Amino acid sequence: MKRLRLVTLTGVMVLLGTASAMAAQSQSSNYQVNEVQFGSGGLINSSSPNYKSQQNLGSTGIGSANSANYGANAGFLTPNEPFLEMVVSTSSLDLGTLSSVSASTGTATFHVRAYVDSGYTVMSMNAPPTNEDGAPLRNLSTAAASSPGTEQFGINLVQNLTSCATPAPANFGANPVPVPNSTYAHGQAASGYNTCGLFKYSAGDIIAQSGTPGWGETDYTISYLININTISRAGRYTMAQDLVAVATY
């Protein structure tokens, strides 16, 4: 029996930069102003015994603006501390018994949220699935379509459809979703992992990235593809996949 189980999908974060470069504020030797706001007013923390809210009235502008050397985030409720957050929502994935006549597919999800960053990358660090004897499934080092009867392991981070220019073996996966919208979040699937119906995997590859400063969240879906041939080694294949997010400030 040839069965695949992806286990312990985890995330690790790395920050690059210095605190002084991350959150510059308006200040002098005697005074400091954090997060200057032009508008009618607002409350950062308004609370009662049961509820808590943040309020804003009459901001003259919201959103982000960037140039080659500078970036600005406008709005009353923008936090003044930089951060990077990655949450992996899928802890394990079982693709069942593999077949030499049809592809096996599955999905896992994670999100990345960063604030006042200059961009970030997400890398997948581990070798392809291997069985108990250490025999790996052949990974797709270049993006390729599903080919049942040919040993293949690959992923992408976009929606896959049977109606794509290169038809996928099934309708599965999803495109990156910016939250709340693309004004604030700019994450996207990386080259090689961004085409419907084409799959790739090399350990250490960048699979997702944001090349534009922002302060929103991007939700990602990893689509997995497995094909085997009639002489693929039998056994239970596993892969502990570590995702590493690196942000530059």
Protein backbone atom coordinates (compact mmCIF):
# COMPACT_ATOMS: atom_id res chain seq x y z
CA MET A 1 0.00 0.00 0.00
CA LYS A 2 1.27 3.46 -0.89
CA ARG A 3 -0.22 6.05 1.40
CA LEU A 4 0.75 9.66 2.03
CA ARG A 5 0.38 11.62 5.21
CA LEU A 6 1.76 15.13 5.60
CA VAL A 7 2.36 15.75 9.27
CA THR A 8 3.28 18.64 11.59
CA LEU A 9 2.88 21.48 9.15
CA THR A 10 4.47 24.29 11.18
CA GLY A 11 5.49 27.92 10.82
CA VAL A 12 8.61 29.83 11.90
CA MET A 13 9.07 33.60 11.72
CA VAL A 14 12.26 35.61 11.20
CA LEU A 15 12.52 39.41 11.49
CA LEU A 16 15.21 41.38 9.69
CA GLY A 17 15.89 45.00 10.68
CA THR A 18 16.39 47.16 13.74
CA ALA A 19 13.92 48.67 16.17
CA SER A 20 14.96 52.23 15.34
CA ALA A 21 14.25 51.63 11.66
CA MET A 22 10.96 49.91 12.32
CA ALA A 23 8.87 52.50 14.11
CA ALA A 24 10.15 56.05 13.80
CA GLN A 25 8.08 58.60 15.74
CA SER A 26 7.96 62.42 15.84
CA GLN A 27 10.00 63.53 18.86
CA SER A 28 12.35 66.09 20.34
CA SER A 29 14.44 66.14 23.53
CA ASN A 30 11.34 66.96 25.61
CA TYR A 31 8.31 65.71 23.64
CA GLN A 32 7.16 62.76 21.61
CA VAL A 33 4.07 62.32 19.46
CA ASN A 34 2.95 58.82 18.56
CA GLU A 35 0.76 58.26 15.50
CA VAL A 36 -0.22 61.80 14.51
CA GLN A 37 -3.86 61.97 13.40
CA PHE A 38 -5.75 64.60 11.41
CA GLY A 39 -9.51 64.28 11.78
CA SER A 40 -12.41 64.79 14.14
CA GLY A 41 -11.11 62.41 16.80
CA GLY A 42 -11.38 58.90 18.15
CA LEU A 43 -10.65 56.55 21.02
CA ILE A 44 -8.01 53.84 20.88
CA ASN A 45 -9.42 51.95 23.88
CA SER A 46 -13.03 52.40 24.93
CA SER A 47 -14.27 49.71 27.29
CA SER A 48 -16.94 48.55 29.71
CA PRO A 49 -17.09 45.41 31.91
CA ASN A 50 -18.30 43.38 28.90
CA TYR A 51 -17.11 45.14 25.75
CA LYS A 52 -14.11 46.89 24.27
CA SER A 53 -13.92 48.99 21.13
CA GLN A 54 -11.68 51.26 19.07
CA GLN A 55 -13.39 54.30 17.57
CA ASN A 56 -12.56 56.77 14.85
CA LEU A 57 -14.40 59.76 13.43
CA GLY A 58 -13.57 61.84 10.39
CA SER A 59 -10.14 60.61 9.30
CA THR A 60 -8.98 62.63 6.32
CA GLY A 61 -7.27 59.59 4.80
CA ILE A 62 -6.74 55.87 5.24
CA GLY A 63 -4.66 53.23 3.50
CA SER A 64 -1.02 53.04 2.51
CA ALA A 65 1.27 54.99 0.19
CA ASN A 66 4.78 54.05 -0.90
CA SER A 67 7.69 55.35 -2.91
CA ALA A 68 11.12 53.95 -3.64
CA ASN A 69 12.45 55.14 -0.26
CA TYR A 70 9.46 55.77 2.02
CA GLY A 71 6.18 54.23 3.07
CA ALA A 72 3.24 55.58 5.07
CA ASN A 73 0.13 54.01 6.59
CA ALA A 74 -2.73 56.43 7.22
CA GLY A 75 -5.63 56.02 9.63
CA PHE A 76 -6.41 56.62 13.28
CA LEU A 77 -6.24 52.98 14.36
CA THR A 78 -2.87 52.02 12.91
CA PRO A 79 -0.68 50.46 15.64
CA ASN A 80 2.73 52.00 16.30
CA GLU A 81 4.64 48.74 16.77
CA PRO A 82 5.85 46.61 13.84
CA PHE A 83 5.07 42.92 13.82
CA LEU A 84 5.08 39.74 11.77
CA GLU A 85 2.50 37.02 12.32
CA MET A 86 2.15 33.63 10.64
CA VAL A 87 -0.55 31.18 11.64
CA VAL A 88 -0.75 27.67 10.17
CA SER A 89 -4.37 26.53 10.30
CA THR A 90 -3.83 22.96 9.06
CA SER A 91 -1.74 20.83 11.41
CA SER A 92 -1.91 17.60 9.38
CA LEU A 93 -3.17 16.33 6.04
CA ASP A 94 -3.86 12.77 4.90
CA LEU A 95 -4.05 12.17 1.13
CA GLY A 96 -5.10 8.55 1.54
CA THR A 97 -3.97 5.63 -0.61
CA LEU A 98 -2.05 6.72 -3.69
CA SER A 99 -2.87 5.45 -7.17
CA SER A 100 -0.90 5.08 -10.40
CA VAL A 101 -3.99 5.86 -12.49
CA SER A 102 -5.18 9.12 -10.90
CA ALA A 103 -3.73 12.02 -8.96
CA SER A 104 -4.12 12.50 -5.23
CA THR A 105 -4.75 16.08 -4.10
CA GLY A 106 -5.26 18.00 -0.88
CA THR A 107 -5.00 21.46 0.63
CA ALA A 108 -3.66 23.20 3.73
CA THR A 109 -4.02 26.82 4.82
CA PHE A 110 -1.97 29.47 6.59
CA HIS A 111 -1.91 33.25 6.80
CA VAL A 112 0.73 35.93 7.14
CA ARG A 113 0.12 39.35 8.65
CA ALA A 114 2.76 42.05 8.83
CA TYR A 115 2.79 45.73 9.73
CA VAL A 116 5.15 48.50 8.53
CA ASP A 117 7.20 45.87 6.75
CA SER A 118 9.17 46.33 3.54
CA GLY A 119 7.98 42.97 2.29
CA TYR A 120 8.24 39.33 3.32
CA THR A 121 8.87 35.88 1.91
CA VAL A 122 7.59 32.45 2.92
CA MET A 123 9.79 29.41 2.28
CA SER A 124 9.11 25.68 2.54
CA MET A 125 12.20 24.05 3.99
CA ASN A 126 11.78 20.27 3.92
CA ALA A 127 12.51 17.38 1.60
CA PRO A 128 9.64 15.71 -0.30
CA PRO A 129 7.67 12.88 1.35
CA THR A 130 9.64 9.70 2.08
CA ASN A 131 8.57 6.21 3.10
CA GLU A 132 9.78 4.14 6.06
CA ASP A 133 12.87 3.04 4.09
CA GLY A 134 13.83 6.64 3.29
CA ALA A 135 12.75 6.43 -0.35
CA PRO A 136 11.48 9.88 -1.45
CA LEU A 137 8.78 10.68 -3.92
CA ARG A 138 10.23 12.44 -6.94
CA ASN A 139 9.70 16.19 -6.61
CA LEU A 140 8.92 18.49 -9.51
CA SER A 141 11.94 20.79 -9.66
CA THR A 142 10.28 22.81 -12.42
CA ALA A 143 6.59 23.64 -12.70
CA ALA A 144 4.71 20.88 -14.52
CA ALA A 145 1.21 19.56 -15.07
CA SER A 146 -0.22 16.46 -13.43
CA SER A 147 0.77 13.24 -15.21
CA PRO A 148 -0.83 10.10 -13.72
CA GLY A 149 1.49 7.13 -13.98
CA THR A 150 4.54 9.38 -13.49
CA GLU A 151 5.95 9.85 -10.00
CA GLN A 152 5.40 13.49 -9.02
CA PHE A 153 5.22 15.59 -5.88
CA GLY A 154 4.44 19.28 -6.17
CA ILE A 155 2.46 22.17 -4.76
CA ASN A 156 1.12 25.54 -5.78
CA LEU A 157 -0.70 28.37 -4.00
CA VAL A 158 -3.47 29.22 -6.45
CA GLN A 159 -6.90 27.98 -7.42
CA ASN A 160 -6.73 24.89 -9.64
CA LEU A 161 -9.49 24.20 -12.14
CA THR A 162 -10.09 21.53 -14.75
CA SER A 163 -10.91 24.41 -17.12
CA CYS A 164 -7.50 26.12 -16.83
CA ALA A 165 -5.18 26.50 -19.81
CA THR A 166 -3.28 23.59 -18.27
CA PRO A 167 -6.13 21.54 -16.79
CA ALA A 168 -5.76 20.52 -13.18
CA PRO A 169 -6.76 16.96 -12.20
CA ALA A 170 -9.57 18.40 -10.05
CA ASN A 171 -11.02 21.69 -8.87
CA PHE A 172 -9.18 22.45 -5.63
CA GLY A 173 -7.15 25.11 -3.88
CA ALA A 174 -7.64 28.89 -3.78
CA ASN A 175 -5.86 32.07 -4.78
CA PRO A 176 -4.27 34.20 -2.02
CA VAL A 177 -6.92 36.33 -0.30
CA PRO A 178 -5.98 39.83 0.97
CA VAL A 179 -7.66 40.84 4.24
CA PRO A 180 -9.41 43.26 4.46
CA ASN A 181 -8.58 43.98 0.81
CA SER A 182 -5.71 44.52 -1.62
CA THR A 183 -5.23 48.12 -0.44
CA TYR A 184 -3.74 46.82 2.81
CA ALA A 185 -2.34 43.35 2.01
CA HIS A 186 -0.17 42.47 -0.97
CA GLY A 187 0.79 38.81 -0.55
CA GLN A 188 0.94 36.59 -3.61
CA ALA A 189 2.10 33.17 -4.72
CA ALA A 190 5.75 33.13 -5.81
CA SER A 191 6.96 32.35 -9.30
CA GLY A 192 6.71 28.63 -10.04
CA TYR A 193 3.84 28.27 -7.58
CA ASN A 194 1.43 30.76 -9.11
CA THR A 195 -0.06 29.06 -12.17
CA CYS A 196 -3.29 27.08 -12.25
CA GLY A 197 -2.65 23.42 -13.09
CA LEU A 198 1.14 23.62 -12.72
CA PHE A 199 2.92 22.25 -9.64
CA LYS A 200 6.46 22.47 -8.31
CA TYR A 201 8.45 21.67 -5.19
CA SER A 202 12.06 22.22 -4.19
CA ALA A 203 13.16 22.41 -0.56
CA GLY A 204 14.06 25.97 0.41
CA ASP A 205 12.02 27.59 -2.35
CA ILE A 206 10.13 30.81 -1.77
CA ILE A 207 6.49 29.84 -2.21
CA ALA A 208 4.78 33.12 -1.26
CA GLN A 209 5.85 36.72 -0.91
CA SER A 210 4.87 40.34 -0.54
CA GLY A 211 7.13 42.79 -2.32
CA THR A 212 5.14 45.87 -1.26
CA PRO A 213 4.93 47.38 2.23
CA GLY A 214 1.58 46.81 3.87
CA TRP A 215 -0.19 46.11 7.12
CA GLY A 216 -2.91 43.62 6.27
CA GLU A 217 -3.27 39.86 6.26
CA THR A 218 -3.03 37.46 3.34
CA ASP A 219 -4.68 34.05 3.57
CA TYR A 220 -2.90 31.32 1.60
CA THR A 221 -3.98 27.85 0.50
CA ILE A 222 -1.31 25.27 -0.38
CA SER A 223 -2.49 22.79 -3.01
CA TYR A 224 -0.71 19.43 -2.98
CA LEU A 225 -0.40 17.06 -5.95
CA ILE A 226 0.83 13.46 -5.81
CA ASN A 227 1.21 11.00 -8.67
CA ILE A 228 2.98 7.63 -8.52
CA ASN A 229 3.93 4.97 -11.05
CA THR A 230 3.65 1.19 -10.86
CA ILE A 231 7.17 0.82 -9.46
CA SER A 232 6.99 3.53 -6.79
CA ARG A 233 8.13 2.08 -3.49
CA ALA A 234 5.33 0.81 -1.28
CA GLY A 235 4.88 2.05 2.26
CA ARG A 236 3.62 4.99 4.25
CA TYR A 237 5.04 8.29 3.03
CA THR A 238 5.33 11.22 5.41
CA MET A 239 6.57 14.79 5.26
CA ALA A 240 7.05 17.21 8.14
CA GLN A 241 6.73 20.54 6.38
CA ASP A 242 8.18 23.67 7.99
CA LEU A 243 7.21 27.07 6.61
CA VAL A 244 9.53 30.00 7.36
CA ALA A 245 8.32 33.60 7.04
CA VAL A 246 10.99 36.29 6.75
CA ALA A 247 10.07 39.98 6.88
CA THR A 248 12.37 42.94 6.29
CA TYR A 249 11.79 46.20 8.15
